[in-house]
Amino acid sequence: MQRRSFLMTGAATGLAVMAAPAILRAQSTPLKVGTYGGFFQDSFDAHIFPDFTAETGIDVESIGTPTGEAWLVQLQQAARARQAPADVSMMAQVARIRGERAGLWAELDRAAVPNIANLPDHFVHAYDDGRFYGTGAVSWYISLVTNTEVFPQAPTSWTALWDDANRDRLGLLALASNSFLLEITATTFFGGTDILATEEGVTEVLDKLAELRPNVRLWYRDEGQFQQALETGEIPMGQYYHDVTGLAAADGQPVRSTFPQEGAVLDSGSWVVSSASEAIDQAQTFIDYMARPEVQAKLARFVGTAPTVDRALTDLTDEEFAAVASDGAPILPYYDLYVDRADWVNQRWSEMITG
C-alpha cells in the first residue's frame, strides 16, 4: 500500500544527500538508498544512515522516493538503460511483487545477509526458483480505532464495523488495495484469507463487506480528514494507523487504537536492489545491517514502525513495543490479489462497495 501521507510531508521525489561523517570513505561512490520521502527520509538521515556509515565506511546517498507504482516504473525504465537511480529501494509490496514478476531485482547472496535469520518467512523474499532478492524493511499496523468519548468501552472485534448501532459512524479507507478490508472481512467471517484465492471467493467476501455500507459515513483517501473527524467524534469509529492514533492519544486527543481479536492488518515495505546496480556487495551489507534487532528497535523508537524481527530479539520496553505493534497474530495482506486481479478487483470494489 501507499505509505502514509503523514510521513510524506517532504518532496516525495526529491533528492537529498546526507552530509558524510568525518571518516575515511571506503567507497569512491556512495550507496544510493531510496526510502519514502518527507519525515520518513528525514528520520533515516538522522538516525540510521550516519551510524551505518560510521560502522561500515560505506557512505549513503539518501533518496526520497514515491511509495508505489511511480517509483517501480522509474526503476524499470532506468534498468533498461543499465542505470540505477537507487541501488537499494524500499518498495511497497504490490510494487515489489510486480518487480519480481519482471525480474527487476538483483539476486542476493543469503550468506552475505546472515541477519535474515531474524526475520519471519513473510519478510524473506525469493523468486519462484528460490533465488533470494529482498527482505522486509519496515512494517506498520492498521487497527480498529474509536473516539473514547463516544465509545467508553473499546470494541474487541472487527464485527463492530457491521453492528447496526454504528450506522453512519464509520470512516474506512477508500481503496481495496490499501484498506485491506477484503482481508479483514475474510478473516473475521470466513476463517482466513484463503477464500481470496478465487474470484468466486472474493465475490462472496465482497457481498459480506457490502453489508456494512450503511454504516460508512466516509470512504477516505485524505488521512488527515478522517483523523480530525475521529478526534472530534464526528466519525467516531473506523480503521486507521495504530502508531498515528497512539501519537494523537498521547497528545491528549480522545482516541484509541484497538487490536481486534481477529488481528490488525500488518502492512510493510521491503528492501530490494536494482538489477542495474553495481554496488551489490554494499547493498547486501546495508540490508543485513537493517535486519539487526537493535536497528529495528531504533526504527520503532524514532520512525514509529513495527519491528520486522521478533520482539524477543529487541530491547524494546512493553510501552515502546505497544506504541507500534502487538504480540497477537496479524492479518497479512493478500498482495497477490492486487497484482493478479487488480483491474477486476477495482471494478468490483467500485460497483459493490464505494459506488
Protein backbone atom coordinates (compact mmCIF):
# COMPACT_ATOMS: atom_id res chain seq x y z
CA MET A 1 0.00 0.00 0.00
CA GLN A 2 0.96 3.59 -0.11
CA ARG A 3 3.00 4.51 2.95
CA ARG A 4 1.01 7.02 4.98
CA SER A 5 0.88 10.60 3.84
CA PHE A 6 1.86 11.92 7.24
CA LEU A 7 5.31 10.52 6.52
CA MET A 8 5.37 12.13 3.08
CA THR A 9 5.43 15.77 4.14
CA GLY A 10 8.57 16.48 2.12
CA ALA A 11 9.09 16.36 -1.62
CA ALA A 12 8.45 12.70 -2.30
CA THR A 13 10.58 12.61 -5.41
CA GLY A 14 13.26 14.98 -4.23
CA LEU A 15 16.92 14.15 -3.77
CA ALA A 16 18.80 14.83 -0.57
CA VAL A 17 22.43 13.95 0.01
CA MET A 18 23.35 13.25 3.59
CA ALA A 19 26.36 15.03 5.00
CA ALA A 20 29.11 12.45 5.30
CA PRO A 21 30.66 11.76 8.71
CA ALA A 22 34.28 12.72 9.17
CA ILE A 23 35.68 9.29 8.45
CA LEU A 24 37.78 7.86 5.68
CA ARG A 25 35.42 6.79 2.92
CA ALA A 26 35.78 3.15 1.95
CA GLN A 27 33.83 3.63 -1.27
CA SER A 28 34.50 6.04 -4.12
CA THR A 29 30.79 6.08 -4.94
CA PRO A 30 28.14 6.24 -2.21
CA LEU A 31 25.44 3.60 -1.89
CA LYS A 32 22.18 5.12 -3.15
CA VAL A 33 19.35 4.19 -0.80
CA GLY A 34 15.76 5.12 -1.62
CA THR A 35 13.25 5.50 1.21
CA TYR A 36 9.80 7.05 1.34
CA GLY A 37 10.21 10.83 1.38
CA GLY A 38 9.42 13.53 3.91
CA PHE A 39 9.52 12.68 7.62
CA PHE A 40 10.43 9.07 6.83
CA GLN A 41 13.53 10.03 4.85
CA ASP A 42 14.49 12.68 7.40
CA SER A 43 14.38 10.07 10.16
CA PHE A 44 16.63 7.68 8.25
CA ASP A 45 19.03 10.53 7.50
CA ALA A 46 19.21 11.45 11.18
CA HIS A 47 19.08 8.11 12.98
CA ILE A 48 20.09 5.26 10.63
CA PHE A 49 22.46 6.24 7.83
CA PRO A 50 25.13 8.01 9.95
CA ASP A 51 25.61 5.00 12.24
CA PHE A 52 25.69 2.64 9.27
CA THR A 53 28.38 4.73 7.60
CA ALA A 54 30.38 5.08 10.80
CA GLU A 55 30.47 1.30 11.25
CA THR A 56 30.98 0.15 7.67
CA GLY A 57 32.69 3.07 5.94
CA ILE A 58 30.00 2.91 3.25
CA ASP A 59 28.70 6.39 2.55
CA VAL A 60 24.99 6.73 1.77
CA GLU A 61 23.26 8.97 -0.74
CA SER A 62 19.74 9.37 0.58
CA ILE A 63 16.94 9.49 -1.98
CA GLY A 64 13.32 10.32 -1.24
CA THR A 65 11.04 8.20 -3.42
CA PRO A 66 7.34 7.72 -4.13
CA THR A 67 5.90 4.65 -2.44
CA GLY A 68 4.02 2.93 -5.25
CA GLU A 69 3.97 2.24 -8.94
CA ALA A 70 5.65 5.52 -9.94
CA TRP A 71 8.99 4.51 -8.45
CA LEU A 72 8.72 1.00 -9.90
CA VAL A 73 8.25 2.48 -13.39
CA GLN A 74 11.26 4.73 -12.91
CA LEU A 75 13.42 1.80 -11.79
CA GLN A 76 12.27 -0.34 -14.72
CA GLN A 77 12.97 2.36 -17.29
CA ALA A 78 16.38 3.07 -15.80
CA ALA A 79 17.30 -0.62 -15.64
CA ARG A 80 16.72 -0.96 -19.38
CA ALA A 81 19.45 1.64 -19.80
CA ARG A 82 21.60 -0.20 -17.22
CA GLN A 83 21.22 2.64 -14.76
CA ALA A 84 20.15 2.57 -11.12
CA PRO A 85 18.57 5.75 -9.72
CA ALA A 86 18.87 3.91 -6.39
CA ASP A 87 20.88 0.80 -5.57
CA VAL A 88 18.62 -0.21 -2.68
CA SER A 89 14.96 0.79 -2.61
CA MET A 90 12.22 0.49 -0.03
CA MET A 91 9.26 -0.82 -2.03
CA ALA A 92 5.59 -1.22 -1.20
CA GLN A 93 4.55 -4.86 -1.50
CA VAL A 94 2.43 -4.75 -4.66
CA ALA A 95 5.20 -2.87 -6.46
CA ARG A 96 7.76 -5.33 -5.10
CA ILE A 97 5.80 -8.26 -6.47
CA ARG A 98 5.39 -6.57 -9.86
CA GLY A 99 9.15 -6.02 -9.92
CA GLU A 100 9.69 -9.65 -9.03
CA ARG A 101 7.47 -10.78 -11.89
CA ALA A 102 9.53 -8.58 -14.24
CA GLY A 103 12.84 -9.93 -12.95
CA LEU A 104 13.86 -6.42 -11.89
CA TRP A 105 15.52 -7.26 -8.59
CA ALA A 106 19.12 -8.41 -8.31
CA GLU A 107 19.80 -11.81 -6.80
CA LEU A 108 21.44 -11.55 -3.40
CA ASP A 109 23.72 -13.94 -1.54
CA ARG A 110 21.99 -15.33 1.53
CA ALA A 111 25.37 -15.96 3.16
CA ALA A 112 26.12 -12.24 2.88
CA VAL A 113 22.90 -11.39 4.75
CA PRO A 114 23.06 -13.68 7.81
CA ASN A 115 20.66 -11.50 9.78
CA ILE A 116 17.78 -12.72 7.63
CA ALA A 117 17.64 -15.47 10.27
CA ASN A 118 16.00 -12.83 12.48
CA LEU A 119 13.10 -12.35 10.05
CA PRO A 120 9.88 -14.37 9.72
CA ASP A 121 9.35 -16.14 6.41
CA HIS A 122 6.97 -13.49 5.04
CA PHE A 123 9.79 -10.95 5.29
CA VAL A 124 12.28 -13.00 3.24
CA HIS A 125 11.64 -12.64 -0.49
CA ALA A 126 12.73 -15.01 -3.25
CA TYR A 127 11.92 -15.72 -6.87
CA ASP A 128 9.92 -18.84 -7.69
CA ASP A 129 13.16 -20.69 -8.39
CA GLY A 130 14.46 -19.88 -4.91
CA ARG A 131 16.80 -17.01 -5.71
CA PHE A 132 16.84 -14.65 -2.74
CA TYR A 133 16.34 -10.97 -3.58
CA GLY A 134 14.99 -8.94 -0.65
CA THR A 135 13.82 -8.55 2.92
CA GLY A 136 11.17 -6.79 4.93
CA ALA A 137 12.35 -3.28 5.76
CA VAL A 138 9.67 -1.71 7.95
CA SER A 139 6.10 -2.53 8.89
CA TRP A 140 3.05 -0.84 10.39
CA TYR A 141 -0.42 -1.77 11.60
CA ILE A 142 -3.90 -0.72 10.51
CA SER A 143 -6.16 -1.18 13.52
CA LEU A 144 -9.71 -0.56 14.72
CA VAL A 145 -9.90 2.98 16.09
CA THR A 146 -12.58 4.72 18.15
CA ASN A 147 -13.32 8.02 19.84
CA THR A 148 -13.20 7.31 23.57
CA GLU A 149 -15.90 9.85 24.43
CA VAL A 150 -18.41 8.23 22.06
CA PHE A 151 -17.24 4.67 22.85
CA PRO A 152 -16.16 4.49 26.52
CA GLN A 153 -15.58 0.75 26.06
CA ALA A 154 -13.18 -0.36 23.36
CA PRO A 155 -14.60 -2.79 20.78
CA THR A 156 -12.95 -6.19 20.74
CA SER A 157 -13.74 -7.40 17.21
CA TRP A 158 -13.88 -6.14 13.65
CA THR A 159 -17.51 -7.24 13.71
CA ALA A 160 -18.23 -3.87 15.34
CA LEU A 161 -17.99 -2.35 11.86
CA TRP A 162 -21.09 -4.33 10.87
CA ASP A 163 -23.10 -3.52 14.00
CA ASP A 164 -26.40 -1.78 13.16
CA ALA A 165 -25.79 0.53 16.13
CA ASN A 166 -22.92 2.08 14.19
CA ARG A 167 -24.94 3.28 11.23
CA ASP A 168 -23.38 6.35 9.60
CA ARG A 169 -20.50 6.29 12.11
CA LEU A 170 -17.56 4.74 10.23
CA GLY A 171 -14.54 6.08 8.39
CA LEU A 172 -12.86 3.49 6.17
CA LEU A 173 -10.00 3.59 3.68
CA ALA A 174 -11.39 4.02 0.18
CA LEU A 175 -9.32 1.66 -1.97
CA ALA A 176 -9.37 -2.13 -1.98
CA SER A 177 -5.59 -2.25 -2.34
CA ASN A 178 -4.80 -0.06 0.65
CA SER A 179 -7.71 -0.66 3.02
CA PHE A 180 -7.29 -4.44 3.17
CA LEU A 181 -10.95 -4.65 4.10
CA LEU A 182 -11.20 -7.78 1.96
CA GLU A 183 -8.64 -9.44 4.24
CA ILE A 184 -10.35 -8.11 7.37
CA THR A 185 -13.73 -9.45 6.21
CA ALA A 186 -12.28 -12.78 5.11
CA THR A 187 -10.51 -13.30 8.43
CA THR A 188 -13.48 -12.17 10.54
CA PHE A 189 -16.21 -14.14 8.78
CA PHE A 190 -14.57 -16.80 6.58
CA GLY A 191 -11.76 -18.21 8.70
CA GLY A 192 -8.86 -16.54 6.91
CA THR A 193 -7.70 -15.11 3.61
CA ASP A 194 -7.55 -18.37 1.63
CA ILE A 195 -11.03 -17.61 0.29
CA LEU A 196 -9.49 -14.72 -1.68
CA ALA A 197 -7.65 -17.16 -3.95
CA THR A 198 -10.58 -17.30 -6.42
CA GLU A 199 -12.87 -14.72 -7.97
CA GLU A 200 -15.85 -16.62 -6.58
CA GLY A 201 -14.39 -16.36 -3.10
CA VAL A 202 -13.60 -12.67 -3.49
CA THR A 203 -17.18 -12.05 -4.63
CA GLU A 204 -18.51 -13.84 -1.56
CA VAL A 205 -16.32 -11.67 0.66
CA LEU A 206 -17.42 -8.53 -1.20
CA ASP A 207 -21.05 -9.47 -0.59
CA LYS A 208 -20.38 -9.63 3.14
CA LEU A 209 -18.36 -6.41 3.11
CA ALA A 210 -21.17 -4.62 1.26
CA GLU A 211 -23.43 -5.26 4.24
CA LEU A 212 -21.62 -2.57 6.24
CA ARG A 213 -22.11 0.17 3.64
CA PRO A 214 -24.99 1.84 5.57
CA ASN A 215 -22.59 2.26 8.48
CA VAL A 216 -19.95 4.13 6.44
CA ARG A 217 -20.02 7.89 6.63
CA LEU A 218 -16.68 8.48 4.92
CA TRP A 219 -14.63 6.48 2.46
CA TYR A 220 -11.41 8.39 2.91
CA ARG A 221 -8.21 8.92 0.98
CA ASP A 222 -7.20 12.02 2.93
CA GLU A 223 -5.97 10.58 6.21
CA GLY A 224 -5.93 13.99 7.88
CA GLN A 225 -9.64 14.44 7.14
CA PHE A 226 -10.55 11.21 8.91
CA GLN A 227 -8.19 11.81 11.82
CA GLN A 228 -9.78 15.19 12.50
CA ALA A 229 -13.30 13.71 12.32
CA LEU A 230 -12.25 10.87 14.65
CA GLU A 231 -10.82 13.28 17.20
CA THR A 232 -13.94 15.47 17.24
CA GLY A 233 -16.26 12.47 17.41
CA GLU A 234 -17.96 13.38 14.12
CA ILE A 235 -16.89 9.99 12.77
CA PRO A 236 -16.19 8.04 15.95
CA MET A 237 -15.10 4.64 14.58
CA GLY A 238 -13.08 3.27 11.70
CA GLN A 239 -9.76 1.88 10.60
CA TYR A 240 -6.55 3.85 10.89
CA TYR A 241 -2.85 3.58 11.62
CA HIS A 242 -2.05 2.31 15.10
CA ASP A 243 1.03 4.43 15.68
CA VAL A 244 -0.54 7.67 14.44
CA THR A 245 -3.58 7.10 16.64
CA GLY A 246 -1.31 6.46 19.60
CA LEU A 247 0.53 9.71 18.99
CA ALA A 248 -2.79 11.58 18.88
CA ALA A 249 -3.87 9.95 22.14
CA ALA A 250 -0.56 10.87 23.77
CA ASP A 251 -1.24 14.43 22.65
CA GLY A 252 -4.48 14.41 24.62
CA GLN A 253 -6.95 13.54 21.88
CA PRO A 254 -9.90 11.26 22.88
CA VAL A 255 -8.94 8.42 20.56
CA ARG A 256 -7.75 4.84 20.96
CA SER A 257 -6.36 2.09 18.79
CA THR A 258 -7.52 -1.48 19.36
CA PHE A 259 -6.01 -4.71 18.07
CA PRO A 260 -9.17 -6.79 17.50
CA GLN A 261 -9.31 -10.43 18.46
CA GLU A 262 -9.02 -11.37 14.77
CA GLY A 263 -5.80 -9.33 14.49
CA ALA A 264 -4.87 -5.98 12.98
CA VAL A 265 -3.55 -5.63 9.45
CA LEU A 266 0.23 -5.69 9.17
CA ASP A 267 1.40 -3.83 6.07
CA SER A 268 5.05 -3.29 5.17
CA GLY A 269 7.75 -2.09 2.84
CA SER A 270 10.71 -4.19 1.67
CA TRP A 271 14.34 -3.70 0.68
CA VAL A 272 15.19 -4.69 -2.89
CA VAL A 273 18.19 -4.00 -5.12
CA SER A 274 18.00 -2.89 -8.75
CA SER A 275 19.40 -5.40 -11.20
CA ALA A 276 21.32 -2.48 -12.74
CA SER A 277 23.14 -1.71 -9.51
CA GLU A 278 26.91 -2.04 -9.46
CA ALA A 279 27.00 -1.93 -5.67
CA ILE A 280 25.66 -5.37 -4.78
CA ASP A 281 28.19 -6.04 -2.01
CA GLN A 282 27.49 -2.71 -0.31
CA ALA A 283 23.75 -3.22 -0.75
CA GLN A 284 23.92 -6.62 0.93
CA THR A 285 25.86 -5.09 3.82
CA PHE A 286 23.14 -2.47 4.22
CA ILE A 287 20.24 -4.94 4.05
CA ASP A 288 21.96 -7.19 6.60
CA TYR A 289 22.50 -4.18 8.88
CA MET A 290 18.83 -3.24 8.69
CA ALA A 291 17.79 -6.73 9.82
CA ARG A 292 19.59 -6.35 13.12
CA PRO A 293 17.29 -6.31 16.16
CA GLU A 294 18.91 -3.18 17.60
CA VAL A 295 18.38 -1.32 14.33
CA GLN A 296 14.74 -2.40 14.15
CA ALA A 297 14.32 -1.22 17.74
CA LYS A 298 15.81 2.13 16.77
CA LEU A 299 13.30 2.42 13.92
CA ALA A 300 10.47 1.71 16.34
CA ARG A 301 11.66 4.49 18.63
CA PHE A 302 12.48 7.13 16.05
CA VAL A 303 10.37 6.33 12.97
CA GLY A 304 7.34 4.71 14.59
CA THR A 305 7.46 1.46 12.62
CA ALA A 306 6.82 -2.02 13.97
CA PRO A 307 9.93 -4.21 14.13
CA THR A 308 10.28 -6.78 11.37
CA VAL A 309 12.14 -9.09 13.77
CA ASP A 310 10.73 -11.00 16.72
CA ARG A 311 10.09 -8.73 19.68
CA ALA A 312 12.11 -11.03 21.97
CA LEU A 313 15.25 -10.19 20.00
CA THR A 314 14.90 -6.46 20.70
CA ASP A 315 15.33 -4.39 23.86
CA LEU A 316 12.03 -2.55 23.38
CA THR A 317 10.12 -1.98 26.60
CA ASP A 318 6.48 -3.03 26.83
CA GLU A 319 5.46 0.60 26.38
CA GLU A 320 7.73 1.13 23.38
CA PHE A 321 6.53 -2.05 21.71
CA ALA A 322 2.84 -1.36 22.36
CA ALA A 323 3.23 2.06 20.74
CA VAL A 324 3.99 0.46 17.37
CA ALA A 325 2.95 -3.21 17.41
CA SER A 326 1.16 -6.15 19.02
CA ASP A 327 2.15 -9.66 20.08
CA GLY A 328 -1.05 -11.04 18.53
CA ALA A 329 -1.08 -12.77 15.17
CA PRO A 330 -1.60 -10.16 12.42
CA ILE A 331 -3.81 -10.20 9.36
CA LEU A 332 -1.37 -10.35 6.46
CA PRO A 333 -2.48 -8.67 3.22
CA TYR A 334 -3.19 -10.93 0.25
CA TYR A 335 -0.94 -8.86 -2.00
CA ASP A 336 -1.04 -11.20 -4.98
CA LEU A 337 -4.73 -10.41 -5.40
CA TYR A 338 -3.89 -6.79 -6.20
CA VAL A 339 -1.30 -7.89 -8.74
CA ASP A 340 -3.02 -10.80 -10.49
CA ARG A 341 -6.59 -9.46 -10.48
CA ALA A 342 -6.08 -5.72 -9.98
CA ASP A 343 -8.44 -4.44 -12.68
CA TRP A 344 -11.19 -6.91 -11.82
CA VAL A 345 -10.94 -6.25 -8.08
CA ASN A 346 -11.00 -2.48 -8.56
CA GLN A 347 -14.05 -2.72 -10.82
CA ARG A 348 -15.96 -4.97 -8.45
CA TRP A 349 -14.94 -2.81 -5.49
CA SER A 350 -16.30 0.29 -7.22
CA GLU A 351 -19.53 -1.46 -8.14
CA MET A 352 -20.23 -3.18 -4.84
CA ILE A 353 -18.53 -1.15 -2.11
CA THR A 354 -17.83 2.51 -2.86
CA GLY A 355 -20.07 3.04 -5.89
